[in-house]
C-alpha atoms as a PDB file:
ATOM      1  CA  MET A   1     -44.201  -4.895  26.451  1.00  0.00           C
ATOM      2  CA  THR A   2     -41.686  -4.220  29.242  1.00  0.00           C
ATOM      3  CA  GLN A   3     -38.862  -1.982  28.151  1.00  0.00           C
ATOM      4  CA  ALA A   4     -35.386  -3.454  28.544  1.00  0.00           C
ATOM      5  CA  PRO A   5     -32.910  -1.509  30.665  1.00  0.00           C
ATOM      6  CA  PRO A   6     -30.532   0.543  28.496  1.00  0.00           C
ATOM      7  CA  THR A   7     -26.935  -0.442  27.919  1.00  0.00           C
ATOM      8  CA  TYR A   8     -25.565   2.504  29.922  1.00  0.00           C
ATOM      9  CA  LEU A   9     -26.571   0.628  33.077  1.00  0.00           C
ATOM     10  CA  LEU A  10     -23.550  -1.590  32.454  1.00  0.00           C
ATOM     11  CA  MET A  11     -21.474   1.353  33.684  1.00  0.00           C
ATOM     12  CA  PRO A  12     -22.814   1.276  37.280  1.00  0.00           C
ATOM     13  CA  PHE A  13     -22.706  -2.538  37.212  1.00  0.00           C
ATOM     14  CA  PHE A  14     -18.962  -2.540  36.601  1.00  0.00           C
ATOM     15  CA  GLY A  15     -18.653   0.416  38.959  1.00  0.00           C
ATOM     16  CA  ALA A  16     -20.231  -1.688  41.709  1.00  0.00           C
ATOM     17  CA  ILE A  17     -17.616  -4.414  41.179  1.00  0.00           C
ATOM     18  CA  LEU A  18     -14.780  -1.880  41.338  1.00  0.00           C
ATOM     19  CA  PHE A  19     -16.218  -0.218  44.457  1.00  0.00           C
ATOM     20  CA  ALA A  20     -16.506  -3.522  46.337  1.00  0.00           C
ATOM     21  CA  THR A  21     -12.972  -4.543  45.313  1.00  0.00           C
ATOM     22  CA  SER A  22     -11.592  -1.163  46.336  1.00  0.00           C
ATOM     23  CA  SER A  23     -13.372  -1.270  49.694  1.00  0.00           C
ATOM     24  CA  LEU A  24     -11.796  -4.641  50.511  1.00  0.00           C
ATOM     25  CA  ALA A  25      -8.335  -3.294  49.618  1.00  0.00           C
ATOM     26  CA  TYR A  26      -8.854  -0.116  51.653  1.00  0.00           C
ATOM     27  CA  LYS A  27      -9.978  -2.198  54.640  1.00  0.00           C
ATOM     28  CA  LYS A  28      -6.768  -4.200  54.340  1.00  0.00           C
ATOM     29  CA  ALA A  29      -4.787  -0.943  54.317  1.00  0.00           C
ATOM     30  CA  PHE A  30      -6.586   0.243  57.457  1.00  0.00           C
ATOM     31  CA  GLU A  31      -5.759  -3.079  59.147  1.00  0.00           C
ATOM     32  CA  GLN A  32      -2.091  -2.408  58.375  1.00  0.00           C
ATOM     33  CA  GLY A  33      -2.249   1.005  60.010  1.00  0.00           C
ATOM     34  CA  ALA A  34      -3.160   3.408  57.216  1.00  0.00           C
ATOM     35  CA  ARG A  35      -4.695   6.655  58.396  1.00  0.00           C
ATOM     36  CA  VAL A  36      -7.875   8.128  56.971  1.00  0.00           C
ATOM     37  CA  SER A  37      -5.985  11.300  55.962  1.00  0.00           C
ATOM     38  CA  GLN A  38      -3.510   9.235  53.908  1.00  0.00           C
ATOM     39  CA  VAL A  39      -6.210   7.201  52.179  1.00  0.00           C
ATOM     40  CA  PHE A  40      -8.367  10.277  51.623  1.00  0.00           C
ATOM     41  CA  LEU A  41      -5.570  12.204  49.902  1.00  0.00           C
ATOM     42  CA  ALA A  42      -4.319   9.297  47.760  1.00  0.00           C
ATOM     43  CA  ASN A  43      -7.833   8.434  46.595  1.00  0.00           C
ATOM     44  CA  ASN A  44      -8.778  11.983  45.664  1.00  0.00           C
ATOM     45  CA  LEU A  45      -5.506  12.777  43.905  1.00  0.00           C
ATOM     46  CA  CYS A  46      -6.157   9.708  41.757  1.00  0.00           C
ATOM     47  CA  LEU A  47      -9.583  11.165  40.935  1.00  0.00           C
ATOM     48  CA  VAL A  48      -7.967  14.445  39.897  1.00  0.00           C
ATOM     49  CA  ALA A  49      -5.562  12.594  37.578  1.00  0.00           C
ATOM     50  CA  LEU A  50      -8.433  10.721  35.918  1.00  0.00           C
ATOM     51  CA  PHE A  51     -10.877  13.613  35.511  1.00  0.00           C
ATOM     52  CA  LEU A  52      -8.712  16.638  34.666  1.00  0.00           C
ATOM     53  CA  PRO A  53      -7.806  15.368  31.152  1.00  0.00           C
ATOM     54  CA  LEU A  54     -11.505  15.600  30.212  1.00  0.00           C
ATOM     55  CA  LEU A  55     -11.036  19.365  29.904  1.00  0.00           C
ATOM     56  CA  ALA A  56      -9.150  18.802  26.654  1.00  0.00           C
ATOM     57  CA  PHE A  57     -12.205  17.288  24.966  1.00  0.00           C
ATOM     58  CA  ASP A  58     -14.544  20.285  25.211  1.00  0.00           C
ATOM     59  CA  GLU A  59     -13.764  23.364  23.116  1.00  0.00           C
ATOM     60  CA  LYS A  60     -16.712  25.391  24.412  1.00  0.00           C
ATOM     61  CA  PRO A  61     -15.959  28.181  26.901  1.00  0.00           C
ATOM     62  CA  ILE A  62     -16.376  27.432  30.583  1.00  0.00           C
ATOM     63  CA  PRO A  63     -19.473  29.191  32.021  1.00  0.00           C
ATOM     64  CA  TRP A  64     -17.592  30.865  34.875  1.00  0.00           C
ATOM     65  CA  ILE A  65     -20.753  32.553  36.122  1.00  0.00           C
ATOM     66  CA  ASP A  66     -22.008  29.116  37.229  1.00  0.00           C
ATOM     67  CA  LEU A  67     -18.699  28.025  38.776  1.00  0.00           C
ATOM     68  CA  GLY A  68     -20.419  27.501  42.120  1.00  0.00           C
ATOM     69  CA  GLN A  69     -22.276  24.487  40.710  1.00  0.00           C
ATOM     70  CA  PRO A  70     -19.323  22.081  40.283  1.00  0.00           C
ATOM     71  CA  LEU A  71     -17.705  23.482  43.437  1.00  0.00           C
ATOM     72  CA  LEU A  72     -20.805  22.686  45.486  1.00  0.00           C
ATOM     73  CA  ALA A  73     -21.072  19.200  43.987  1.00  0.00           C
ATOM     74  CA  GLY A  74     -17.363  18.644  44.655  1.00  0.00           C
ATOM     75  CA  SER A  75     -17.751  19.745  48.269  1.00  0.00           C
ATOM     76  CA  ALA A  76     -20.567  17.224  48.739  1.00  0.00           C
ATOM     77  CA  PHE A  77     -18.467  14.481  47.114  1.00  0.00           C
ATOM     78  CA  CYS A  78     -15.459  15.317  49.273  1.00  0.00           C
ATOM     79  CA  ALA A  79     -17.487  15.138  52.498  1.00  0.00           C
ATOM     80  CA  ALA A  80     -19.180  11.903  51.402  1.00  0.00           C
ATOM     81  CA  ASN A  81     -15.855  10.296  50.527  1.00  0.00           C
ATOM     82  CA  LEU A  82     -14.354  11.211  53.899  1.00  0.00           C
ATOM     83  CA  LEU A  83     -17.384   9.725  55.683  1.00  0.00           C
ATOM     84  CA  ASN A  84     -17.062   6.566  53.592  1.00  0.00           C
ATOM     85  CA  PHE A  85     -13.448   6.080  54.665  1.00  0.00           C
ATOM     86  CA  LYS A  86     -14.366   6.725  58.289  1.00  0.00           C
ATOM     87  CA  ALA A  87     -17.044   4.032  57.962  1.00  0.00           C
ATOM     88  CA  LEU A  88     -14.566   1.552  56.444  1.00  0.00           C
ATOM     89  CA  GLN A  89     -12.047   2.266  59.185  1.00  0.00           C
ATOM     90  CA  ALA A  90     -14.664   1.748  61.898  1.00  0.00           C
ATOM     91  CA  GLY A  91     -16.587  -1.216  60.467  1.00  0.00           C
ATOM     92  CA  ASP A  92     -16.472  -4.264  58.239  1.00  0.00           C
ATOM     93  CA  VAL A  93     -16.751  -4.249  54.448  1.00  0.00           C
ATOM     94  CA  SER A  94     -19.759  -6.578  54.708  1.00  0.00           C
ATOM     95  CA  LEU A  95     -21.437  -3.940  56.887  1.00  0.00           C
ATOM     96  CA  VAL A  96     -20.462  -0.710  55.142  1.00  0.00           C
ATOM     97  CA  THR A  97     -20.969  -1.565  51.463  1.00  0.00           C
ATOM     98  CA  PRO A  98     -24.590  -2.761  51.825  1.00  0.00           C
ATOM     99  CA  LEU A  99     -25.442   0.286  53.936  1.00  0.00           C
ATOM    100  CA  MET A 100     -24.046   2.496  51.189  1.00  0.00           C
ATOM    101  CA  GLY A 101     -26.729   0.975  48.963  1.00  0.00           C
ATOM    102  CA  THR A 102     -29.306   3.079  50.770  1.00  0.00           C
ATOM    103  CA  LYS A 103     -27.972   6.002  48.730  1.00  0.00           C
ATOM    104  CA  VAL A 104     -30.519   5.249  46.019  1.00  0.00           C
ATOM    105  CA  LEU A 105     -33.387   5.789  48.453  1.00  0.00           C
ATOM    106  CA  PHE A 106     -31.914   9.163  49.342  1.00  0.00           C
ATOM    107  CA  VAL A 107     -31.538   9.916  45.629  1.00  0.00           C
ATOM    108  CA  ALA A 108     -35.176   9.008  45.002  1.00  0.00           C
ATOM    109  CA  LEU A 109     -36.293  11.104  47.989  1.00  0.00           C
ATOM    110  CA  LEU A 110     -34.279  14.136  46.915  1.00  0.00           C
ATOM    111  CA  ALA A 111     -35.542  13.779  43.347  1.00  0.00           C
ATOM    112  CA  ARG A 112     -39.142  13.730  44.582  1.00  0.00           C
ATOM    113  CA  LEU A 113     -38.536  16.790  46.719  1.00  0.00           C
ATOM    114  CA  ALA A 114     -36.969  18.577  43.762  1.00  0.00           C
ATOM    115  CA  PHE A 115     -39.631  17.615  41.203  1.00  0.00           C
ATOM    116  CA  GLY A 116     -42.692  17.283  43.439  1.00  0.00           C
ATOM    117  CA  GLU A 117     -43.211  13.580  42.777  1.00  0.00           C
ATOM    118  CA  SER A 118     -44.962  11.356  45.310  1.00  0.00           C
ATOM    119  CA  GLY A 119     -44.070   7.775  46.138  1.00  0.00           C
ATOM    120  CA  GLY A 120     -47.170   6.892  48.172  1.00  0.00           C
ATOM    121  CA  VAL A 121     -47.528   3.615  50.089  1.00  0.00           C
ATOM    122  CA  THR A 122     -44.795   1.926  48.050  1.00  0.00           C
ATOM    123  CA  HIS A 123     -42.122   4.106  49.583  1.00  0.00           C
ATOM    124  CA  ILE A 124     -43.484   3.631  53.096  1.00  0.00           C
ATOM    125  CA  VAL A 125     -43.110  -0.141  52.677  1.00  0.00           C
ATOM    126  CA  ALA A 126     -39.658   0.332  51.156  1.00  0.00           C
ATOM    127  CA  ALA A 127     -38.633   2.521  54.105  1.00  0.00           C
ATOM    128  CA  ALA A 128     -39.778  -0.168  56.548  1.00  0.00           C
ATOM    129  CA  MET A 129     -37.814  -2.842  54.668  1.00  0.00           C
ATOM    130  CA  THR A 130     -34.743  -0.596  54.627  1.00  0.00           C
ATOM    131  CA  THR A 131     -35.056  -0.006  58.378  1.00  0.00           C
ATOM    132  CA  ALA A 132     -35.179  -3.775  58.962  1.00  0.00           C
ATOM    133  CA  GLY A 133     -32.168  -4.287  56.705  1.00  0.00           C
ATOM    134  CA  ILE A 134     -30.190  -1.581  58.493  1.00  0.00           C
ATOM    135  CA  PHE A 135     -31.071  -3.157  61.860  1.00  0.00           C
ATOM    136  CA  LEU A 136     -29.700  -6.523  60.687  1.00  0.00           C
ATOM    137  CA  LEU A 137     -26.555  -4.884  59.316  1.00  0.00           C
ATOM    138  CA  GLY A 138     -25.945  -2.554  62.214  1.00  0.00           C
ATOM    139  CA  PHE A 139     -26.509  -4.896  65.143  1.00  0.00           C
ATOM    140  CA  THR A 140     -25.055  -8.195  63.996  1.00  0.00           C
ATOM    141  CA  ASP A 141     -21.621  -8.056  65.618  1.00  0.00           C
ATOM    142  CA  ASN A 142     -21.674  -6.841  69.181  1.00  0.00           C
ATOM    143  CA  ARG A 143     -19.679  -9.798  70.483  1.00  0.00           C
ATOM    144  CA  ALA A 144     -16.811  -9.030  72.838  1.00  0.00           C
ATOM    145  CA  GLY A 145     -17.783  -5.399  73.139  1.00  0.00           C
ATOM    146  CA  ARG A 146     -17.677  -4.626  69.441  1.00  0.00           C
ATOM    147  CA  TRP A 147     -19.996  -1.750  68.594  1.00  0.00           C
ATOM    148  CA  VAL A 148     -20.799  -0.938  64.991  1.00  0.00           C
ATOM    149  CA  GLY A 149     -23.018   2.079  65.574  1.00  0.00           C
ATOM    150  CA  ALA A 150     -20.275   4.483  64.427  1.00  0.00           C
ATOM    151  CA  ALA A 151     -19.712   2.601  61.162  1.00  0.00           C
ATOM    152  CA  THR A 152     -23.464   2.486  60.547  1.00  0.00           C
ATOM    153  CA  ALA A 153     -23.844   6.222  61.178  1.00  0.00           C
ATOM    154  CA  TYR A 154     -20.852   7.124  58.981  1.00  0.00           C
ATOM    155  CA  ALA A 155     -22.102   4.904  56.142  1.00  0.00           C
ATOM    156  CA  LEU A 156     -25.622   6.340  56.213  1.00  0.00           C
ATOM    157  CA  MET A 157     -24.344   9.927  56.328  1.00  0.00           C
ATOM    158  CA  SER A 158     -21.989   9.122  53.462  1.00  0.00           C
ATOM    159  CA  GLY A 159     -24.833   7.615  51.431  1.00  0.00           C
ATOM    160  CA  PHE A 160     -26.987  10.705  51.957  1.00  0.00           C
ATOM    161  CA  THR A 161     -24.174  13.098  51.043  1.00  0.00           C
ATOM    162  CA  PHE A 162     -23.267  11.089  47.937  1.00  0.00           C
ATOM    163  CA  ALA A 163     -26.962  11.241  46.986  1.00  0.00           C
ATOM    164  CA  CYS A 164     -26.848  15.039  47.228  1.00  0.00           C
ATOM    165  CA  CYS A 165     -23.809  15.018  44.942  1.00  0.00           C
ATOM    166  CA  ASP A 166     -25.548  12.739  42.421  1.00  0.00           C
ATOM    167  CA  ILE A 167     -28.616  14.970  42.272  1.00  0.00           C
ATOM    168  CA  LEU A 168     -26.447  18.054  41.751  1.00  0.00           C
ATOM    169  CA  MET A 169     -24.543  16.347  38.937  1.00  0.00           C
ATOM    170  CA  GLN A 170     -27.770  15.209  37.297  1.00  0.00           C
ATOM    171  CA  GLN A 171     -29.279  18.709  37.470  1.00  0.00           C
ATOM    172  CA  TRP A 172     -26.268  20.860  36.572  1.00  0.00           C
ATOM    173  CA  ALA A 173     -23.596  18.924  34.658  1.00  0.00           C
ATOM    174  CA  SER A 174     -25.403  18.795  31.316  1.00  0.00           C
ATOM    175  CA  SER A 175     -26.192  22.510  31.117  1.00  0.00           C
ATOM    176  CA  PHE A 176     -22.746  23.494  32.452  1.00  0.00           C
ATOM    177  CA  GLY A 177     -20.997  21.089  30.086  1.00  0.00           C
ATOM    178  CA  VAL A 178     -20.148  17.626  31.390  1.00  0.00           C
ATOM    179  CA  LEU A 179     -16.539  17.730  30.200  1.00  0.00           C
ATOM    180  CA  HIS A 180     -16.056  20.995  32.074  1.00  0.00           C
ATOM    181  CA  PHE A 181     -18.219  20.229  35.097  1.00  0.00           C
ATOM    182  CA  LEU A 182     -16.544  16.973  36.131  1.00  0.00           C
ATOM    183  CA  PRO A 183     -12.883  18.109  35.896  1.00  0.00           C
ATOM    184  CA  ILE A 184     -13.643  21.301  37.829  1.00  0.00           C
ATOM    185  CA  MET A 185     -15.655  19.339  40.388  1.00  0.00           C
ATOM    186  CA  PHE A 186     -12.918  16.775  41.000  1.00  0.00           C
ATOM    187  CA  GLY A 187     -10.147  19.347  40.790  1.00  0.00           C
ATOM    188  CA  TRP A 188     -11.901  21.084  43.677  1.00  0.00           C
ATOM    189  CA  VAL A 189     -12.139  17.719  45.464  1.00  0.00           C
ATOM    190  CA  GLY A 190      -8.362  17.414  45.117  1.00  0.00           C
ATOM    191  CA  LEU A 191      -7.756  20.881  46.559  1.00  0.00           C
ATOM    192  CA  LEU A 192     -10.108  20.255  49.473  1.00  0.00           C
ATOM    193  CA  SER A 193      -8.557  16.882  50.271  1.00  0.00           C
ATOM    194  CA  ALA A 194      -5.010  18.289  50.086  1.00  0.00           C
ATOM    195  CA  GLY A 195      -5.988  21.042  52.491  1.00  0.00           C
ATOM    196  CA  THR A 196      -7.683  18.573  54.833  1.00  0.00           C
ATOM    197  CA  ALA A 197      -4.692  16.216  54.763  1.00  0.00           C
ATOM    198  CA  ALA A 198      -2.238  19.043  55.387  1.00  0.00           C
ATOM    199  CA  PHE A 199      -4.316  20.251  58.324  1.00  0.00           C
ATOM    200  CA  THR A 200      -4.580  16.806  59.944  1.00  0.00           C
ATOM    201  CA  GLY A 201      -0.982  15.789  59.173  1.00  0.00           C
ATOM    202  CA  SER A 202       0.294  12.159  59.309  1.00  0.00           C
ATOM    203  CA  ILE A 203       0.744  11.901  55.525  1.00  0.00           C
ATOM    204  CA  THR A 204       4.218  10.343  55.592  1.00  0.00           C
ATOM    205  CA  GLU A 205       4.132   8.523  58.912  1.00  0.00           C
ATOM    206  CA  ALA A 206       5.458   4.956  59.147  1.00  0.00           C
ATOM    207  CA  PRO A 207       2.181   3.095  58.472  1.00  0.00           C
ATOM    208  CA  TRP A 208       2.132   4.578  54.960  1.00  0.00           C
ATOM    209  CA  ARG A 209       5.294   2.670  54.012  1.00  0.00           C
ATOM    210  CA  ARG A 210       3.669  -0.623  54.995  1.00  0.00           C
ATOM    211  CA  CYS A 211       0.369  -0.221  53.162  1.00  0.00           C
ATOM    212  CA  TRP A 212       0.959   2.057  50.162  1.00  0.00           C
ATOM    213  CA  ARG A 213       0.499  -0.825  47.690  1.00  0.00           C
ATOM    214  CA  TRP A 214      -2.976  -1.575  49.012  1.00  0.00           C
ATOM    215  CA  VAL A 215      -3.867   2.108  49.043  1.00  0.00           C
ATOM    216  CA  GLY A 216      -2.546   2.599  45.511  1.00  0.00           C
ATOM    217  CA  PHE A 217      -4.476  -0.366  44.126  1.00  0.00           C
ATOM    218  CA  ALA A 218      -7.659   0.676  45.913  1.00  0.00           C
ATOM    219  CA  ALA A 219      -7.333   4.308  44.763  1.00  0.00           C
ATOM    220  CA  ILE A 220      -7.071   3.241  41.117  1.00  0.00           C
ATOM    221  CA  MET A 221     -10.117   0.963  41.421  1.00  0.00           C
ATOM    222  CA  MET A 222     -12.109   3.652  43.250  1.00  0.00           C
ATOM    223  CA  GLY A 223     -11.051   6.249  40.708  1.00  0.00           C
ATOM    224  CA  PHE A 224     -12.295   4.272  37.730  1.00  0.00           C
ATOM    225  CA  GLN A 225     -15.593   3.459  39.425  1.00  0.00           C
ATOM    226  CA  ALA A 226     -16.070   7.168  40.145  1.00  0.00           C
ATOM    227  CA  LEU A 227     -15.393   7.870  36.468  1.00  0.00           C
ATOM    228  CA  LEU A 228     -18.067   5.354  35.456  1.00  0.00           C
ATOM    229  CA  ILE A 229     -20.685   6.619  37.910  1.00  0.00           C
ATOM    230  CA  ALA A 230     -20.080  10.350  37.479  1.00  0.00           C
ATOM    231  CA  THR A 231     -20.071  10.254  33.682  1.00  0.00           C
ATOM    232  CA  SER A 232     -23.129   7.999  33.467  1.00  0.00           C
ATOM    233  CA  ILE A 233     -25.149  10.269  35.773  1.00  0.00           C
ATOM    234  CA  SER A 234     -23.958  13.447  34.078  1.00  0.00           C
ATOM    235  CA  PHE A 235     -24.532  12.293  30.495  1.00  0.00           C
ATOM    236  CA  PHE A 236     -27.648  10.136  30.918  1.00  0.00           C
ATOM    237  CA  ARG A 237     -29.288  12.030  33.814  1.00  0.00           C
ATOM    238  CA  ASP A 238     -30.797   8.918  35.403  1.00  0.00           C
ATOM    239  CA  ALA A 239     -29.394   9.052  38.938  1.00  0.00           C
ATOM    240  CA  THR A 240     -32.094   6.805  40.378  1.00  0.00           C
ATOM    241  CA  GLY A 241     -31.850   4.078  37.750  1.00  0.00           C
ATOM    242  CA  ILE A 242     -28.065   4.125  37.800  1.00  0.00           C
ATOM    243  CA  ASN A 243     -28.017   3.844  41.594  1.00  0.00           C
ATOM    244  CA  ILE A 244     -30.390   0.866  41.501  1.00  0.00           C
ATOM    245  CA  VAL A 245     -27.739  -1.103  39.648  1.00  0.00           C
ATOM    246  CA  TYR A 246     -24.891   0.461  41.621  1.00  0.00           C
ATOM    247  CA  SER A 247     -26.484  -0.711  44.889  1.00  0.00           C
ATOM    248  CA  LEU A 248     -25.436  -4.251  43.963  1.00  0.00           C
ATOM    249  CA  ARG A 249     -22.046  -3.323  45.434  1.00  0.00           C
ATOM    250  CA  GLY A 250     -23.434  -4.323  48.843  1.00  0.00           C
ATOM    251  CA  LEU A 251     -23.965  -7.949  47.880  1.00  0.00           C
ATOM    252  CA  MET A 252     -20.730  -7.896  45.886  1.00  0.00           C
ATOM    253  CA  GLY A 253     -18.878  -6.642  48.964  1.00  0.00           C
ATOM    254  CA  ILE A 254     -20.232  -9.487  51.080  1.00  0.00           C
ATOM    255  CA  GLY A 255     -19.342 -11.968  48.334  1.00  0.00           C
ATOM    256  CA  LEU A 256     -15.774 -10.697  48.100  1.00  0.00           C
ATOM    257  CA  VAL A 257     -15.342 -10.918  51.873  1.00  0.00           C
ATOM    258  CA  TRP A 258     -16.543 -14.509  51.760  1.00  0.00           C
ATOM    259  CA  ILE A 259     -14.421 -15.536  48.749  1.00  0.00           C
ATOM    260  CA  LEU A 260     -11.270 -13.440  49.093  1.00  0.00           C
ATOM    261  CA  GLY A 261     -11.144 -12.381  52.740  1.00  0.00           C
ATOM    262  CA  ARG A 262      -8.796 -15.134  53.893  1.00  0.00           C
ATOM    263  CA  ARG A 263      -6.612 -14.871  50.771  1.00  0.00           C
ATOM    264  CA  VAL A 264      -5.702 -11.268  51.540  1.00  0.00           C
ATOM    265  CA  ALA A 265      -5.297 -12.021  55.266  1.00  0.00           C
ATOM    266  CA  HIS A 266      -8.472 -10.091  55.912  1.00  0.00           C
ATOM    267  CA  LEU A 267      -9.691 -10.267  59.509  1.00  0.00           C
ATOM    268  CA  GLU A 268     -13.394  -9.873  58.892  1.00  0.00           C
ATOM    269  CA  ARG A 269     -14.514 -13.462  58.384  1.00  0.00           C
ATOM    270  CA  GLY A 270     -12.685 -14.720  61.430  1.00  0.00           C
ATOM    271  CA  SER A 271     -13.672 -11.888  63.774  1.00  0.00           C
ATOM    272  CA  SER A 272     -17.393 -11.697  63.060  1.00  0.00           C
ATOM    273  CA  ALA A 273     -19.803 -13.214  65.517  1.00  0.00           C
ATOM    274  CA  PRO A 274     -21.358 -16.583  64.547  1.00  0.00           C
ATOM    275  CA  GLY A 275     -24.083 -16.068  61.976  1.00  0.00           C
ATOM    276  CA  ALA A 276     -23.260 -12.358  61.573  1.00  0.00           C
ATOM    277  CA  LEU A 277     -22.310 -12.648  57.897  1.00  0.00           C
ATOM    278  CA  TRP A 278     -25.537 -14.485  57.062  1.00  0.00           C
ATOM    279  CA  ALA A 279     -27.553 -11.875  58.945  1.00  0.00           C
ATOM    280  CA  ARG A 280     -25.794  -9.219  56.881  1.00  0.00           C
ATOM    281  CA  VAL A 281     -26.657 -11.096  53.694  1.00  0.00           C
ATOM    282  CA  LEU A 282     -30.319 -11.026  54.750  1.00  0.00           C
ATOM    283  CA  GLY A 283     -30.053  -7.347  55.621  1.00  0.00           C
ATOM    284  CA  ALA A 284     -28.421  -6.573  52.266  1.00  0.00           C
ATOM    285  CA  VAL A 285     -31.134  -8.491  50.404  1.00  0.00           C
ATOM    286  CA  LEU A 286     -33.842  -6.576  52.289  1.00  0.00           C
ATOM    287  CA  ILE A 287     -32.231  -3.255  51.405  1.00  0.00           C
ATOM    288  CA  LEU A 288     -31.840  -4.300  47.776  1.00  0.00           C
ATOM    289  CA  ALA A 289     -35.496  -5.397  47.624  1.00  0.00           C
ATOM    290  CA  ALA A 290     -36.544  -2.085  49.170  1.00  0.00           C
ATOM    291  CA  ILE A 291     -34.528  -0.205  46.585  1.00  0.00           C
ATOM    292  CA  VAL A 292     -36.190  -2.048  43.703  1.00  0.00           C
ATOM    293  CA  LEU A 293     -39.632  -1.562  45.268  1.00  0.00           C
ATOM    294  CA  ALA A 294     -39.083   2.138  45.897  1.00  0.00           C
ATOM    295  CA  VAL A 295     -38.113   2.881  42.326  1.00  0.00           C
ATOM    296  CA  GLN A 296     -40.252   0.346  40.454  1.00  0.00           C
ATOM    297  CA  THR A 297     -42.275   3.124  38.848  1.00  0.00           C
ATOM    298  CA  THR A 298     -39.162   5.040  37.772  1.00  0.00           C
ATOM    299  CA  ARG A 299     -38.703   5.122  34.016  1.00  0.00           C
ATOM    300  CA  TRP A 300     -35.461   3.800  32.652  1.00  0.00           C
ATOM    301  CA  ASN A 301     -35.292   6.618  30.116  1.00  0.00           C
ATOM    302  CA  PRO A 302     -33.013   9.516  31.048  1.00  0.00           C
ATOM    303  CA  ALA A 303     -34.804  12.511  32.503  1.00  0.00           C
END
C-alpha cells in the first residue's frame, strides 16, 4: 500500500502560496521604484522579528562551540535572498518563481553528495526535462530587446544557494536545538542585511515613500513563509520532500500573474510577448514533472 504524505507537508504548501503572493507584491514595489537594498533590509528585519522570539521557548543552553553552524546557514540564506530579489527586479514573476522550483533538484543533488546516494538514469532524465523547462522559461520574452538571461541566472543561483541553506538546516538544526538555531541564524541574517544596506545606501530615498506599503505587505508574507519552511525542514528533516511541495510556488506564481496582475496594475501580462505566458506554463510543468521524477524514490518519512 502506498504511504500517504504526512500532514507536515501542508506547511510548504501554504508557504508556496505565501511566496508567490509576496513575489507579486515585491515586483509591484520594484515597478514603483523600490531599490533592492530597501527590499532586502525590510524583508530580513521582518524575519528577525518573527524568529527571535523562538529563543524564549528553549530552556536548554546554547551550544556556543557550534555557533558557526547557524551563522553559516544564515550567510547562505542571506546571499540566496539577495539573489532572489535581484532576479525579481530583473525579470517577471512568471519567470522567476518557476525557476526557483529547481531548488529541490539542487537539494536532492546535495543530499546525494552528502550521503553517497545515487539517482541513476532517473535523475539524468529529470535533468534533461529541467533543462528544457529552463529553456522555455528563460527564452520566452526577447521581444523588443528584452533579455531575461540575468533574471534566469540570478534565480538559478538563488535556488542553489537556498538549497545549501536547506541542507545545512536539515543537518545541524536538530542537534544544535531548533529553537536556538533558527533565531541565531536569522538574527545573523538581519545583521548581514543591515550592514549590506548601510554599505549600499539608498534606504530612505524617495521611491521608498511611494512603495513602502507593497514592501511591508510582501515582507510579512515572505516572513511567514520562511517560518513555515525553516521550521518544517529543521523539525522534520525532510528537505527534499518539503521542497517537492514548495516547488508548486512556480505554478502558483504564474496563476497569480494571470488572475491578479491587472488588478494590482502589474505590467507583466501586458508586456510579455505573445504566447510567452503559455510557454512559461509549459516550462513550469516540465520542471515540476522533473522534480517529481527526480525524487520519486525519496521516502516521505523524515530522515
